[in-house]
Amino acid sequence: MASTLASIKTASVSFTSIAWEVELIVCDNNSTDRTAELATVAGASVVFEPVNQIGRARNRGASAATGAWLIFVDADSHPTAELFAEVATAIQSGWFLAGGCTVKLEGPYPVAKFITAAWNVLSRIRKWAAGSFIFCDRSAFQKIGGFNNELFVSEEIDLFQRFHRLTKQAKKRIVILHHHPLLTSARKMHLYSKREHLRFLVRTILQNGKSIRKREECFTWYDGRR
């Protein structure tokens, strides 16, 4: 987490260089790894969300923000100044109300990297942002109600499906940036076996997506394995 905060602070020069104010907010979602302490040392504001759920944690962080735009970055991801510069250009264009970027996985995991590449293609076609990096107009985020608190995973897809409906009304677009992919951790690849990942996928398909509303089914996100 400390390395992510360092990456964000370094990348933020792309905003401060054009006189944009930046506030760094970290949501402590019942962490056990000194999240609040590390965030405070890094100069971030810390908020707390007692319910261990990705969407709720992101909503809590967003509720503390005061800026016109929100950027959500996962704690195991590393944005660059070049990526933030792309975000600034997209915002300044006035054409978009939300967006994301393609992702690049750390480590030697051929199968996972193939899946990531496939996701990047789907992301750009459907204009769905990966949850590890999302930026959006705060008023638009509030208008659609933020992340769905009923979902334990895939909350980012649900969010962007609602953003898509809003684009027609707002006469704006969604963009998936791709020139400077977000580097993100592959820790789930060595924490969980291929069989465990496949089990979740099969159950999600067989249950017609109902499993994403059950914490126990989304074990690779919530069982606390580190």
Protein backbone atom coordinates (compact mmCIF):
# COMPACT_ATOMS: atom_id res chain seq x y z
CA MET A 1 0.00 0.00 0.00
CA ALA A 2 2.86 2.37 0.80
CA SER A 3 4.28 1.88 -2.71
CA THR A 4 0.87 2.65 -4.24
CA LEU A 5 0.62 5.89 -2.27
CA ALA A 6 4.13 6.82 -3.38
CA SER A 7 3.17 6.14 -7.02
CA ILE A 8 0.04 8.27 -6.73
CA LYS A 9 1.91 11.18 -5.15
CA THR A 10 4.56 11.07 -7.87
CA ALA A 11 1.97 10.76 -10.64
CA SER A 12 -0.05 13.67 -9.23
CA VAL A 13 2.52 16.12 -10.60
CA SER A 14 0.52 15.86 -13.83
CA PHE A 15 -2.35 17.58 -12.01
CA THR A 16 -0.45 20.03 -9.82
CA SER A 17 1.57 21.21 -12.84
CA ILE A 18 -1.66 22.56 -14.32
CA ALA A 19 -2.68 24.12 -10.99
CA TRP A 20 -5.22 21.46 -10.02
CA GLU A 21 -5.57 20.77 -6.33
CA VAL A 22 -5.22 17.13 -5.29
CA GLU A 23 -6.54 15.46 -2.14
CA LEU A 24 -5.45 11.93 -1.26
CA ILE A 25 -8.01 9.87 0.64
CA VAL A 26 -7.52 6.32 1.90
CA CYS A 27 -10.39 4.17 3.13
CA ASP A 28 -9.43 1.79 5.95
CA ASN A 29 -11.81 -1.13 5.42
CA ASN A 30 -10.99 -3.15 8.57
CA SER A 31 -7.37 -3.53 7.51
CA THR A 32 -4.80 -5.55 9.47
CA ASP A 33 -1.70 -4.22 7.73
CA ARG A 34 -1.18 -0.72 9.22
CA THR A 35 -3.17 0.91 6.43
CA ALA A 36 -4.21 3.95 8.48
CA GLU A 37 -0.71 4.49 9.86
CA LEU A 38 0.97 4.23 6.45
CA ALA A 39 -1.62 6.48 4.83
CA THR A 40 -1.22 9.15 7.50
CA VAL A 41 2.57 9.11 7.14
CA ALA A 42 2.10 9.56 3.37
CA GLY A 43 -0.02 12.65 3.98
CA ALA A 44 -3.38 11.11 3.12
CA SER A 45 -6.68 11.67 4.89
CA VAL A 46 -8.00 8.41 6.34
CA VAL A 47 -11.66 7.42 6.57
CA PHE A 48 -13.07 4.18 7.97
CA GLU A 49 -15.67 1.79 6.56
CA PRO A 50 -16.69 -0.94 9.04
CA VAL A 51 -18.38 -3.24 6.51
CA ASN A 52 -15.77 -5.23 4.61
CA GLN A 53 -16.94 -4.69 1.03
CA ILE A 54 -15.20 -3.17 -1.97
CA GLY A 55 -18.09 -0.99 -3.14
CA ARG A 56 -18.83 0.34 0.34
CA ALA A 57 -15.16 1.21 0.88
CA ARG A 58 -15.03 3.14 -2.39
CA ASN A 59 -18.29 4.92 -1.61
CA ARG A 60 -16.98 5.91 1.81
CA GLY A 61 -13.82 7.36 0.29
CA ALA A 62 -15.85 9.25 -2.31
CA SER A 63 -18.10 10.70 0.38
CA ALA A 64 -15.08 12.40 1.97
CA ALA A 65 -13.86 13.93 -1.30
CA THR A 66 -14.46 17.59 -2.08
CA GLY A 67 -13.11 17.83 -5.63
CA ALA A 68 -15.06 18.00 -8.88
CA TRP A 69 -13.56 14.71 -10.08
CA LEU A 70 -12.89 11.39 -8.36
CA ILE A 71 -10.14 8.88 -9.12
CA PHE A 72 -10.32 5.42 -7.55
CA VAL A 73 -7.05 3.47 -7.38
CA ASP A 74 -6.72 0.01 -5.80
CA ALA A 75 -4.14 -0.41 -3.05
CA ASP A 76 -2.02 -2.82 -5.13
CA SER A 77 -1.80 -0.70 -8.29
CA HIS A 78 0.72 1.85 -9.54
CA PRO A 79 -0.42 4.73 -11.75
CA THR A 80 2.17 6.81 -13.58
CA ALA A 81 2.46 10.52 -14.29
CA GLU A 82 1.83 9.69 -17.96
CA LEU A 83 -1.47 7.99 -17.11
CA PHE A 84 -2.56 10.90 -14.93
CA ALA A 85 -1.64 13.28 -17.77
CA GLU A 86 -3.98 11.30 -20.04
CA VAL A 87 -6.71 11.61 -17.43
CA ALA A 88 -6.15 15.38 -17.22
CA THR A 89 -6.41 15.69 -21.02
CA ALA A 90 -9.66 13.67 -21.04
CA ILE A 91 -11.16 15.84 -18.29
CA GLN A 92 -10.08 19.09 -19.94
CA SER A 93 -11.63 18.05 -23.25
CA GLY A 94 -15.09 18.28 -21.69
CA TRP A 95 -16.26 15.24 -23.66
CA PHE A 96 -16.32 12.63 -20.91
CA LEU A 97 -18.11 12.00 -17.62
CA ALA A 98 -16.16 8.87 -16.64
CA GLY A 99 -13.39 6.55 -17.71
CA GLY A 100 -10.72 4.05 -16.87
CA CYS A 101 -7.65 2.52 -18.45
CA THR A 102 -6.22 -0.75 -19.65
CA VAL A 103 -4.22 -2.76 -17.13
CA LYS A 104 -0.92 -4.62 -17.08
CA LEU A 105 -0.29 -7.49 -14.68
CA GLU A 106 2.92 -7.87 -12.69
CA GLY A 107 4.89 -11.11 -12.73
CA PRO A 108 5.30 -14.18 -14.97
CA TYR A 109 1.73 -15.48 -15.25
CA PRO A 110 1.02 -16.33 -18.93
CA VAL A 111 -2.58 -17.49 -18.45
CA ALA A 112 -3.46 -14.52 -16.25
CA LYS A 113 -1.81 -12.13 -18.70
CA PHE A 114 -3.82 -13.66 -21.55
CA ILE A 115 -7.03 -13.13 -19.55
CA THR A 116 -5.95 -9.58 -18.75
CA ALA A 117 -5.32 -8.88 -22.44
CA ALA A 118 -8.78 -10.25 -23.27
CA TRP A 119 -10.29 -8.03 -20.57
CA ASN A 120 -8.51 -4.99 -22.02
CA VAL A 121 -10.11 -5.65 -25.40
CA LEU A 122 -13.55 -6.10 -23.83
CA SER A 123 -13.02 -3.03 -21.66
CA ARG A 124 -12.28 -0.83 -24.67
CA ILE A 125 -15.19 -2.23 -26.69
CA ARG A 126 -17.83 -2.08 -23.95
CA LYS A 127 -16.34 0.98 -22.23
CA TRP A 128 -16.20 -0.79 -18.86
CA ALA A 129 -13.40 0.34 -16.56
CA ALA A 130 -11.41 -2.09 -14.44
CA GLY A 131 -12.07 -1.50 -10.76
CA SER A 132 -8.38 -0.91 -10.12
CA PHE A 133 -8.56 2.49 -11.85
CA ILE A 134 -11.67 4.60 -12.34
CA PHE A 135 -12.09 8.33 -12.81
CA CYS A 136 -15.40 10.15 -12.98
CA ASP A 137 -17.21 13.43 -12.55
CA ARG A 138 -18.24 13.53 -8.88
CA SER A 139 -21.69 14.95 -9.65
CA ALA A 140 -22.31 12.13 -12.15
CA PHE A 141 -21.14 9.56 -9.58
CA GLN A 142 -23.55 10.99 -7.03
CA LYS A 143 -26.39 11.20 -9.54
CA ILE A 144 -26.27 7.45 -10.27
CA GLY A 145 -25.89 6.56 -6.59
CA GLY A 146 -22.26 5.43 -6.54
CA PHE A 147 -21.27 1.79 -6.28
CA ASN A 148 -23.96 -0.80 -5.63
CA ASN A 149 -23.69 -1.92 -1.99
CA GLU A 150 -25.44 -5.19 -2.84
CA LEU A 151 -22.52 -6.44 -4.95
CA PHE A 152 -19.36 -7.97 -3.54
CA VAL A 153 -17.54 -8.09 -6.91
CA SER A 154 -18.15 -6.72 -10.42
CA GLU A 155 -19.38 -3.49 -8.86
CA GLU A 156 -17.35 -1.55 -11.42
CA ILE A 157 -19.23 -3.12 -14.35
CA ASP A 158 -22.55 -2.31 -12.71
CA LEU A 159 -21.34 1.26 -12.13
CA PHE A 160 -20.36 1.76 -15.76
CA GLN A 161 -23.60 0.26 -17.04
CA ARG A 162 -25.35 3.05 -15.14
CA PHE A 163 -22.83 5.62 -16.36
CA HIS A 164 -23.64 4.55 -19.92
CA ARG A 165 -27.31 5.32 -19.38
CA LEU A 166 -26.38 8.74 -18.01
CA THR A 167 -24.19 9.60 -21.02
CA LYS A 168 -27.24 9.84 -23.26
CA GLN A 169 -28.87 12.35 -20.94
CA ALA A 170 -25.67 14.30 -20.30
CA LYS A 171 -24.53 14.12 -23.95
CA LYS A 172 -21.10 12.97 -22.83
CA ARG A 173 -18.99 9.86 -23.33
CA ILE A 174 -16.93 7.27 -21.50
CA VAL A 175 -13.29 6.65 -22.34
CA ILE A 176 -10.88 3.80 -21.66
CA LEU A 177 -7.34 5.14 -21.88
CA HIS A 178 -4.78 2.74 -23.32
CA HIS A 179 -1.46 4.46 -24.04
CA HIS A 180 -0.17 4.04 -20.47
CA PRO A 181 -1.68 0.92 -18.84
CA LEU A 182 -1.98 0.66 -15.07
CA LEU A 183 0.48 -1.76 -13.51
CA THR A 184 -1.37 -3.89 -10.98
CA SER A 185 -0.49 -6.74 -8.64
CA ALA A 186 -0.85 -10.39 -9.58
CA ARG A 187 -0.94 -11.53 -5.95
CA LYS A 188 -4.19 -13.45 -6.45
CA MET A 189 -2.33 -15.62 -8.95
CA HIS A 190 -0.03 -17.02 -6.29
CA LEU A 191 -2.47 -16.82 -3.38
CA TYR A 192 -5.13 -18.92 -5.13
CA SER A 193 -4.92 -21.91 -7.41
CA LYS A 194 -6.31 -22.09 -10.94
CA ARG A 195 -8.88 -24.52 -9.58
CA GLU A 196 -10.12 -21.95 -7.04
CA HIS A 197 -10.43 -19.24 -9.68
CA LEU A 198 -12.25 -21.65 -12.00
CA ARG A 199 -14.60 -22.67 -9.20
CA PHE A 200 -15.72 -19.06 -8.72
CA LEU A 201 -16.19 -18.56 -12.47
CA VAL A 202 -18.24 -21.74 -12.90
CA ARG A 203 -20.45 -20.98 -9.90
CA THR A 204 -21.05 -17.44 -11.13
CA ILE A 205 -22.14 -18.75 -14.53
CA LEU A 206 -24.31 -21.54 -13.10
CA GLN A 207 -25.97 -19.18 -10.63
CA ASN A 208 -26.59 -16.59 -13.35
CA GLY A 209 -24.52 -14.00 -11.54
CA LYS A 210 -26.19 -14.40 -8.15
CA SER A 211 -22.89 -15.41 -6.56
CA ILE A 212 -21.52 -11.86 -6.83
CA ARG A 213 -24.09 -10.86 -4.19
CA LYS A 214 -22.73 -13.40 -1.68
CA ARG A 215 -19.57 -12.67 0.27
CA GLU A 216 -18.79 -16.36 0.84
CA GLU A 217 -18.85 -17.05 -2.90
CA CYS A 218 -16.40 -14.20 -3.58
CA PHE A 219 -13.74 -15.77 -1.37
CA THR A 220 -10.71 -14.65 -3.41
CA TRP A 221 -11.59 -11.07 -2.52
CA TYR A 222 -12.76 -11.55 1.07
CA ASP A 223 -11.21 -14.53 2.85
CA GLY A 224 -8.28 -12.47 4.13
CA ARG A 225 -5.55 -14.55 2.52
CA ARG A 226 -2.35 -12.49 2.16
